[in-house]
Amino acid sequence: MTYHPLRLPPGVDLRRELEQRAQADPELCGFVVCGIGSLESPVLRFADQDAGIVLAGPQEVILLAGSLSRDGAHLHLVVADAEGRTMGGHLCHGSRVRTTMELLLARTEGWQLGRERDPATGHLELRVSPSPPRHPPLPGSPG
């Protein structure tokens, strides 16, 4: 397993940034092991709901976990408000970093993650398949 620590600055849309980075760099596809920081008015979608809701004001990120692939992300978020009340659900687009987001991403060597519509659930679900074999460079070739 390969780990990638990452810090995202204020103003960044957390979900969109992670999806864009996974699109651009397959080395970042894998699992979000943990994420801590703060968000300004994050957007969460609760279980069995079609749309997300905005949680007003600054929220401390207690935990961010999920999976990242080039086909999208599945991210769960738990946040706490100024009184320490916690709430959790699916992280939606529009959740902007307030001060910082510190993340640890893990890539599982030998496996490729993707998302595809599952006929049983109707949702884009995780697809796990073996990575294509990596051939060593030929003698005398660069890399």
N, C-alpha and C. Protein backbone atom coordinates (compact mmCIF):
# COMPACT_ATOMS: atom_id res chain seq x y z
N MET A 1 0.85 -1.17 0.00
CA MET A 1 0.00 0.00 0.00
C MET A 1 0.90 1.24 0.00
N THR A 2 0.50 2.22 -0.77
CA THR A 2 1.23 3.48 -0.85
C THR A 2 0.36 4.57 -0.24
N TYR A 3 0.96 5.39 0.62
CA TYR A 3 0.23 6.46 1.28
C TYR A 3 0.61 7.81 0.69
N HIS A 4 -0.38 8.70 0.59
CA HIS A 4 -0.16 10.05 0.08
C HIS A 4 -0.77 11.05 1.06
N PRO A 5 0.06 11.75 1.85
CA PRO A 5 -0.49 12.83 2.67
C PRO A 5 -0.80 14.03 1.79
N LEU A 6 -1.81 14.78 2.16
CA LEU A 6 -2.27 15.88 1.32
C LEU A 6 -2.89 16.95 2.20
N ARG A 7 -2.62 18.21 1.89
CA ARG A 7 -3.28 19.33 2.57
C ARG A 7 -3.97 20.18 1.51
N LEU A 8 -5.24 20.50 1.77
CA LEU A 8 -6.00 21.38 0.88
C LEU A 8 -6.21 22.73 1.57
N PRO A 9 -6.05 23.84 0.86
CA PRO A 9 -6.14 25.17 1.45
C PRO A 9 -7.57 25.70 1.53
N PRO A 10 -7.75 26.83 2.20
CA PRO A 10 -9.08 27.45 2.29
C PRO A 10 -9.68 27.75 0.92
N GLY A 11 -11.02 27.63 0.84
CA GLY A 11 -11.76 27.99 -0.35
C GLY A 11 -11.98 26.87 -1.34
N VAL A 12 -11.24 25.78 -1.21
CA VAL A 12 -11.34 24.67 -2.15
C VAL A 12 -12.63 23.88 -1.89
N ASP A 13 -13.33 23.49 -2.97
CA ASP A 13 -14.47 22.58 -2.86
C ASP A 13 -13.88 21.19 -2.62
N LEU A 14 -14.05 20.66 -1.43
CA LEU A 14 -13.38 19.44 -1.00
C LEU A 14 -13.65 18.26 -1.93
N ARG A 15 -14.88 17.95 -2.19
CA ARG A 15 -15.19 16.79 -3.03
C ARG A 15 -14.70 16.98 -4.46
N ARG A 16 -14.98 18.15 -5.03
CA ARG A 16 -14.57 18.41 -6.41
C ARG A 16 -13.05 18.32 -6.55
N GLU A 17 -12.32 18.88 -5.60
CA GLU A 17 -10.86 18.84 -5.65
C GLU A 17 -10.33 17.41 -5.60
N LEU A 18 -10.88 16.58 -4.72
CA LEU A 18 -10.43 15.19 -4.63
C LEU A 18 -10.75 14.43 -5.91
N GLU A 19 -11.94 14.66 -6.47
CA GLU A 19 -12.30 13.99 -7.72
C GLU A 19 -11.40 14.44 -8.87
N GLN A 20 -11.10 15.73 -8.95
CA GLN A 20 -10.24 16.23 -10.02
C GLN A 20 -8.82 15.68 -9.89
N ARG A 21 -8.33 15.61 -8.66
CA ARG A 21 -6.97 15.08 -8.46
C ARG A 21 -6.91 13.59 -8.82
N ALA A 22 -7.96 12.83 -8.46
CA ALA A 22 -7.99 11.41 -8.80
C ALA A 22 -8.09 11.22 -10.32
N GLN A 23 -8.83 12.10 -11.00
CA GLN A 23 -8.92 12.06 -12.47
C GLN A 23 -7.55 12.28 -13.10
N ALA A 24 -6.82 13.24 -12.56
CA ALA A 24 -5.54 13.64 -13.15
C ALA A 24 -4.39 12.70 -12.80
N ASP A 25 -4.47 12.04 -11.64
CA ASP A 25 -3.35 11.23 -11.17
C ASP A 25 -3.84 9.91 -10.60
N PRO A 26 -3.72 8.82 -11.37
CA PRO A 26 -4.20 7.53 -10.90
C PRO A 26 -3.54 7.08 -9.60
N GLU A 27 -2.36 7.63 -9.29
CA GLU A 27 -1.68 7.28 -8.04
C GLU A 27 -2.49 7.73 -6.81
N LEU A 28 -3.42 8.67 -6.99
CA LEU A 28 -4.24 9.14 -5.87
C LEU A 28 -5.55 8.36 -5.74
N CYS A 29 -5.82 7.46 -6.68
CA CYS A 29 -7.04 6.65 -6.59
C CYS A 29 -6.84 5.58 -5.53
N GLY A 30 -7.84 5.41 -4.70
CA GLY A 30 -7.76 4.44 -3.62
C GLY A 30 -8.74 4.83 -2.54
N PHE A 31 -8.26 4.86 -1.32
CA PHE A 31 -9.14 5.14 -0.19
C PHE A 31 -8.68 6.34 0.61
N VAL A 32 -9.64 7.13 1.07
CA VAL A 32 -9.35 8.20 2.02
C VAL A 32 -9.35 7.53 3.39
N VAL A 33 -8.17 7.41 3.97
CA VAL A 33 -8.02 6.74 5.27
C VAL A 33 -8.54 7.64 6.38
N CYS A 34 -8.19 8.92 6.29
CA CYS A 34 -8.71 9.87 7.27
C CYS A 34 -8.59 11.28 6.70
N GLY A 35 -9.41 12.15 7.23
CA GLY A 35 -9.38 13.55 6.86
C GLY A 35 -9.88 14.37 8.03
N ILE A 36 -9.13 15.42 8.36
CA ILE A 36 -9.52 16.33 9.44
C ILE A 36 -9.31 17.75 8.96
N GLY A 37 -10.04 18.69 9.54
CA GLY A 37 -9.91 20.09 9.15
C GLY A 37 -11.19 20.82 9.47
N SER A 38 -11.54 21.78 8.61
CA SER A 38 -12.79 22.51 8.82
C SER A 38 -13.39 22.91 7.49
N LEU A 39 -14.73 23.01 7.48
CA LEU A 39 -15.48 23.40 6.29
C LEU A 39 -16.40 24.55 6.64
N GLU A 40 -16.70 25.37 5.64
CA GLU A 40 -17.67 26.45 5.80
C GLU A 40 -18.97 26.03 5.15
N SER A 41 -20.01 25.86 5.94
CA SER A 41 -21.34 25.47 5.46
C SER A 41 -21.29 24.24 4.54
N PRO A 42 -20.81 23.10 5.05
CA PRO A 42 -20.73 21.90 4.21
C PRO A 42 -22.11 21.41 3.78
N VAL A 43 -22.10 20.65 2.69
CA VAL A 43 -23.32 20.08 2.14
C VAL A 43 -23.26 18.57 2.35
N LEU A 44 -24.26 18.03 3.06
CA LEU A 44 -24.34 16.60 3.33
C LEU A 44 -25.62 16.03 2.74
N ARG A 45 -25.52 14.80 2.25
CA ARG A 45 -26.72 14.07 1.82
C ARG A 45 -26.88 12.90 2.78
N PHE A 46 -28.05 12.84 3.40
CA PHE A 46 -28.33 11.80 4.37
C PHE A 46 -28.82 10.53 3.68
N ALA A 47 -28.82 9.43 4.41
CA ALA A 47 -29.21 8.12 3.88
C ALA A 47 -30.61 8.18 3.25
N ASP A 48 -30.71 7.57 2.09
CA ASP A 48 -31.97 7.41 1.37
C ASP A 48 -32.62 8.74 0.97
N GLN A 49 -31.83 9.80 0.84
CA GLN A 49 -32.33 11.10 0.39
C GLN A 49 -31.75 11.40 -0.99
N ASP A 50 -32.48 12.16 -1.78
CA ASP A 50 -32.04 12.49 -3.13
C ASP A 50 -31.15 13.72 -3.19
N ALA A 51 -31.30 14.63 -2.24
CA ALA A 51 -30.57 15.90 -2.29
C ALA A 51 -29.86 16.15 -0.95
N GLY A 52 -28.81 16.95 -1.03
CA GLY A 52 -28.07 17.31 0.17
C GLY A 52 -28.67 18.54 0.84
N ILE A 53 -28.26 18.77 2.09
CA ILE A 53 -28.66 19.98 2.82
C ILE A 53 -27.39 20.71 3.25
N VAL A 54 -27.50 22.02 3.36
CA VAL A 54 -26.38 22.85 3.79
C VAL A 54 -26.43 22.97 5.31
N LEU A 55 -25.31 22.69 5.95
CA LEU A 55 -25.18 22.90 7.39
C LEU A 55 -24.56 24.28 7.57
N ALA A 56 -25.32 25.21 8.12
CA ALA A 56 -24.88 26.60 8.20
C ALA A 56 -23.69 26.77 9.12
N GLY A 57 -22.79 27.66 8.70
CA GLY A 57 -21.68 28.07 9.54
C GLY A 57 -20.48 27.15 9.48
N PRO A 58 -19.45 27.52 10.24
CA PRO A 58 -18.23 26.71 10.26
C PRO A 58 -18.47 25.38 10.97
N GLN A 59 -17.85 24.35 10.44
CA GLN A 59 -17.97 23.00 10.99
C GLN A 59 -16.58 22.37 11.04
N GLU A 60 -16.26 21.74 12.18
CA GLU A 60 -15.01 20.99 12.30
C GLU A 60 -15.21 19.62 11.69
N VAL A 61 -14.27 19.19 10.87
CA VAL A 61 -14.32 17.85 10.29
C VAL A 61 -13.75 16.88 11.32
N ILE A 62 -14.61 16.00 11.79
CA ILE A 62 -14.20 14.98 12.75
C ILE A 62 -13.63 13.78 12.00
N LEU A 63 -14.24 13.44 10.87
CA LEU A 63 -13.78 12.30 10.09
C LEU A 63 -14.26 12.42 8.65
N LEU A 64 -13.36 12.17 7.73
CA LEU A 64 -13.69 12.01 6.31
C LEU A 64 -13.10 10.67 5.90
N ALA A 65 -13.89 9.81 5.27
CA ALA A 65 -13.42 8.51 4.80
C ALA A 65 -14.19 8.16 3.53
N GLY A 66 -13.58 7.32 2.70
CA GLY A 66 -14.27 6.89 1.50
C GLY A 66 -13.33 6.35 0.45
N SER A 67 -13.82 6.32 -0.78
CA SER A 67 -13.03 5.82 -1.90
C SER A 67 -12.99 6.84 -3.03
N LEU A 68 -11.86 6.83 -3.75
CA LEU A 68 -11.64 7.73 -4.89
C LEU A 68 -11.24 6.90 -6.10
N SER A 69 -11.88 7.18 -7.22
CA SER A 69 -11.48 6.55 -8.47
C SER A 69 -11.56 7.60 -9.57
N ARG A 70 -11.10 7.25 -10.75
CA ARG A 70 -11.19 8.18 -11.87
C ARG A 70 -12.63 8.39 -12.29
N ASP A 71 -13.53 7.48 -11.86
CA ASP A 71 -14.96 7.56 -12.19
C ASP A 71 -15.76 8.33 -11.15
N GLY A 72 -15.14 8.78 -10.08
CA GLY A 72 -15.86 9.51 -9.04
C GLY A 72 -15.47 9.07 -7.65
N ALA A 73 -16.19 9.59 -6.68
CA ALA A 73 -15.87 9.35 -5.28
C ALA A 73 -17.10 8.92 -4.50
N HIS A 74 -16.87 8.23 -3.41
CA HIS A 74 -17.90 7.90 -2.43
C HIS A 74 -17.30 8.28 -1.07
N LEU A 75 -17.74 9.42 -0.53
CA LEU A 75 -17.12 9.98 0.66
C LEU A 75 -18.13 10.21 1.76
N HIS A 76 -17.81 9.77 2.96
CA HIS A 76 -18.64 9.99 4.14
C HIS A 76 -17.93 10.99 5.04
N LEU A 77 -18.72 11.89 5.62
CA LEU A 77 -18.19 12.99 6.42
C LEU A 77 -18.95 13.08 7.74
N VAL A 78 -18.19 13.29 8.83
CA VAL A 78 -18.78 13.61 10.12
C VAL A 78 -18.21 14.96 10.53
N VAL A 79 -19.09 15.91 10.86
CA VAL A 79 -18.67 17.25 11.27
C VAL A 79 -19.30 17.59 12.62
N ALA A 80 -18.70 18.58 13.29
CA ALA A 80 -19.23 19.07 14.57
C ALA A 80 -19.36 20.59 14.48
N ASP A 81 -20.48 21.11 15.01
CA ASP A 81 -20.70 22.56 15.00
C ASP A 81 -20.04 23.20 16.21
N ALA A 82 -20.27 24.50 16.40
CA ALA A 82 -19.63 25.26 17.48
C ALA A 82 -20.02 24.78 18.87
N GLU A 83 -21.14 24.06 18.98
CA GLU A 83 -21.56 23.51 20.28
C GLU A 83 -21.15 22.05 20.42
N GLY A 84 -20.45 21.51 19.43
CA GLY A 84 -19.99 20.13 19.51
C GLY A 84 -20.99 19.10 19.03
N ARG A 85 -22.12 19.55 18.51
CA ARG A 85 -23.10 18.61 17.96
C ARG A 85 -22.57 18.03 16.66
N THR A 86 -22.67 16.73 16.52
CA THR A 86 -22.15 16.09 15.32
C THR A 86 -23.27 15.67 14.37
N MET A 87 -22.90 15.60 13.10
CA MET A 87 -23.81 15.16 12.07
C MET A 87 -22.97 14.53 10.97
N GLY A 88 -23.52 13.53 10.32
CA GLY A 88 -22.76 12.86 9.27
C GLY A 88 -23.62 12.45 8.11
N GLY A 89 -22.97 12.20 6.98
CA GLY A 89 -23.64 11.75 5.77
C GLY A 89 -22.66 11.73 4.62
N HIS A 90 -23.21 11.69 3.40
CA HIS A 90 -22.39 11.71 2.19
C HIS A 90 -21.93 13.14 1.92
N LEU A 91 -20.65 13.32 1.65
CA LEU A 91 -20.10 14.63 1.29
C LEU A 91 -20.56 15.00 -0.11
N CYS A 92 -21.14 16.18 -0.27
CA CYS A 92 -21.60 16.68 -1.57
C CYS A 92 -20.69 17.80 -2.07
N HIS A 93 -20.79 18.08 -3.38
CA HIS A 93 -20.09 19.23 -3.95
C HIS A 93 -20.59 20.50 -3.27
N GLY A 94 -19.75 21.51 -3.21
CA GLY A 94 -20.12 22.79 -2.60
C GLY A 94 -19.64 22.92 -1.17
N SER A 95 -18.96 21.89 -0.65
CA SER A 95 -18.42 21.92 0.71
C SER A 95 -17.01 22.51 0.65
N ARG A 96 -16.89 23.78 1.02
CA ARG A 96 -15.62 24.51 0.88
C ARG A 96 -14.78 24.44 2.15
N VAL A 97 -13.49 24.24 1.95
CA VAL A 97 -12.54 24.22 3.07
C VAL A 97 -12.53 25.59 3.73
N ARG A 98 -12.63 25.61 5.05
CA ARG A 98 -12.62 26.86 5.80
C ARG A 98 -11.19 27.29 6.14
N THR A 99 -10.46 26.45 6.86
CA THR A 99 -9.08 26.79 7.22
C THR A 99 -8.08 25.82 6.60
N THR A 100 -8.36 24.54 6.68
CA THR A 100 -7.46 23.51 6.14
C THR A 100 -8.19 22.19 6.06
N MET A 101 -7.70 21.30 5.21
CA MET A 101 -8.09 19.89 5.21
C MET A 101 -6.81 19.10 5.11
N GLU A 102 -6.60 18.23 6.09
CA GLU A 102 -5.42 17.37 6.12
C GLU A 102 -5.91 15.94 5.89
N LEU A 103 -5.37 15.29 4.85
CA LEU A 103 -5.87 13.99 4.44
C LEU A 103 -4.74 12.98 4.31
N LEU A 104 -5.11 11.73 4.48
CA LEU A 104 -4.20 10.64 4.16
C LEU A 104 -4.92 9.72 3.19
N LEU A 105 -4.36 9.60 1.98
CA LEU A 105 -4.92 8.75 0.94
C LEU A 105 -4.08 7.48 0.86
N ALA A 106 -4.72 6.34 0.63
CA ALA A 106 -4.01 5.07 0.51
C ALA A 106 -4.36 4.44 -0.84
N ARG A 107 -3.34 4.07 -1.57
CA ARG A 107 -3.52 3.39 -2.85
C ARG A 107 -3.19 1.92 -2.65
N THR A 108 -4.10 1.05 -3.07
CA THR A 108 -3.88 -0.38 -2.93
C THR A 108 -3.17 -0.90 -4.16
N GLU A 109 -1.93 -1.30 -3.98
CA GLU A 109 -1.11 -1.78 -5.09
C GLU A 109 -1.74 -3.04 -5.69
N GLY A 110 -1.75 -3.10 -7.01
CA GLY A 110 -2.25 -4.28 -7.70
C GLY A 110 -3.75 -4.27 -7.96
N TRP A 111 -4.42 -3.21 -7.52
CA TRP A 111 -5.87 -3.13 -7.70
C TRP A 111 -6.25 -1.81 -8.32
N GLN A 112 -7.28 -1.85 -9.14
CA GLN A 112 -7.80 -0.66 -9.81
C GLN A 112 -9.24 -0.46 -9.36
N LEU A 113 -9.57 0.77 -8.93
CA LEU A 113 -10.92 1.08 -8.49
C LEU A 113 -11.67 1.83 -9.58
N GLY A 114 -12.95 1.59 -9.66
CA GLY A 114 -13.82 2.31 -10.57
C GLY A 114 -15.22 2.35 -9.98
N ARG A 115 -16.13 2.97 -10.69
CA ARG A 115 -17.52 3.02 -10.26
C ARG A 115 -18.39 2.66 -11.45
N GLU A 116 -19.42 1.85 -11.20
CA GLU A 116 -20.37 1.49 -12.25
C GLU A 116 -21.75 1.30 -11.64
N ARG A 117 -22.76 1.55 -12.45
CA ARG A 117 -24.14 1.44 -11.97
C ARG A 117 -24.45 -0.01 -11.65
N ASP A 118 -24.93 -0.24 -10.45
CA ASP A 118 -25.30 -1.58 -9.98
C ASP A 118 -26.80 -1.75 -10.19
N PRO A 119 -27.23 -2.75 -10.97
CA PRO A 119 -28.66 -2.93 -11.22
C PRO A 119 -29.46 -3.21 -9.95
N ALA A 120 -28.84 -3.79 -8.94
CA ALA A 120 -29.55 -4.11 -7.70
C ALA A 120 -29.84 -2.87 -6.87
N THR A 121 -28.89 -1.90 -6.87
CA THR A 121 -29.08 -0.71 -6.03
C THR A 121 -29.49 0.52 -6.84
N GLY A 122 -29.14 0.53 -8.13
CA GLY A 122 -29.41 1.70 -8.96
C GLY A 122 -28.38 2.80 -8.80
N HIS A 123 -27.38 2.58 -7.95
CA HIS A 123 -26.35 3.59 -7.68
C HIS A 123 -25.03 3.22 -8.34
N LEU A 124 -24.16 4.24 -8.49
CA LEU A 124 -22.80 3.98 -8.93
C LEU A 124 -22.05 3.36 -7.75
N GLU A 125 -21.68 2.10 -7.89
CA GLU A 125 -21.03 1.37 -6.81
C GLU A 125 -19.58 1.07 -7.16
N LEU A 126 -18.81 0.74 -6.15
CA LEU A 126 -17.40 0.45 -6.31
C LEU A 126 -17.19 -0.80 -7.16
N ARG A 127 -16.26 -0.69 -8.12
CA ARG A 127 -15.81 -1.83 -8.92
C ARG A 127 -14.33 -2.00 -8.63
N VAL A 128 -13.94 -3.18 -8.22
CA VAL A 128 -12.54 -3.48 -7.90
C VAL A 128 -12.06 -4.52 -8.90
N SER A 129 -10.95 -4.25 -9.56
CA SER A 129 -10.39 -5.20 -10.52
C SER A 129 -8.87 -5.17 -10.42
N PRO A 130 -8.23 -6.27 -10.80
CA PRO A 130 -6.77 -6.27 -10.77
C PRO A 130 -6.21 -5.23 -11.73
N SER A 131 -5.14 -4.58 -11.33
CA SER A 131 -4.45 -3.63 -12.21
C SER A 131 -3.77 -4.39 -13.33
N PRO A 132 -3.69 -3.79 -14.51
CA PRO A 132 -2.92 -4.44 -15.58
C PRO A 132 -1.47 -4.60 -15.12
N PRO A 133 -0.82 -5.68 -15.52
CA PRO A 133 0.57 -5.87 -15.08
C PRO A 133 1.46 -4.74 -15.60
N ARG A 134 2.38 -4.33 -14.76
CA ARG A 134 3.36 -3.31 -15.15
C ARG A 134 4.61 -4.03 -15.63
N HIS A 135 4.99 -3.75 -16.84
CA HIS A 135 6.17 -4.41 -17.40
C HIS A 135 7.41 -3.57 -17.07
N PRO A 136 8.48 -4.23 -16.65
CA PRO A 136 9.70 -3.47 -16.38
C PRO A 136 10.24 -2.89 -17.69
N PRO A 137 10.97 -1.77 -17.59
CA PRO A 137 11.54 -1.18 -18.82
C PRO A 137 12.53 -2.14 -19.47
N LEU A 138 12.61 -2.08 -20.79
CA LEU A 138 13.57 -2.89 -21.51
C LEU A 138 14.98 -2.40 -21.21
N PRO A 139 15.95 -3.31 -21.22
CA PRO A 139 17.34 -2.90 -20.95
C PRO A 139 17.75 -1.80 -21.93
N GLY A 140 18.38 -0.77 -21.40
CA GLY A 140 18.87 0.33 -22.21
C GLY A 140 17.83 1.40 -22.50
N SER A 141 16.56 1.19 -22.11
CA SER A 141 15.54 2.20 -22.36
C SER A 141 15.43 3.12 -21.15
N PRO A 142 15.02 4.39 -21.37
CA PRO A 142 14.87 5.30 -20.24
C PRO A 142 13.69 4.88 -19.36
N GLY A 143 13.80 5.14 -18.05
CA GLY A 143 12.69 4.92 -17.12
C GLY A 143 12.69 3.57 -16.60
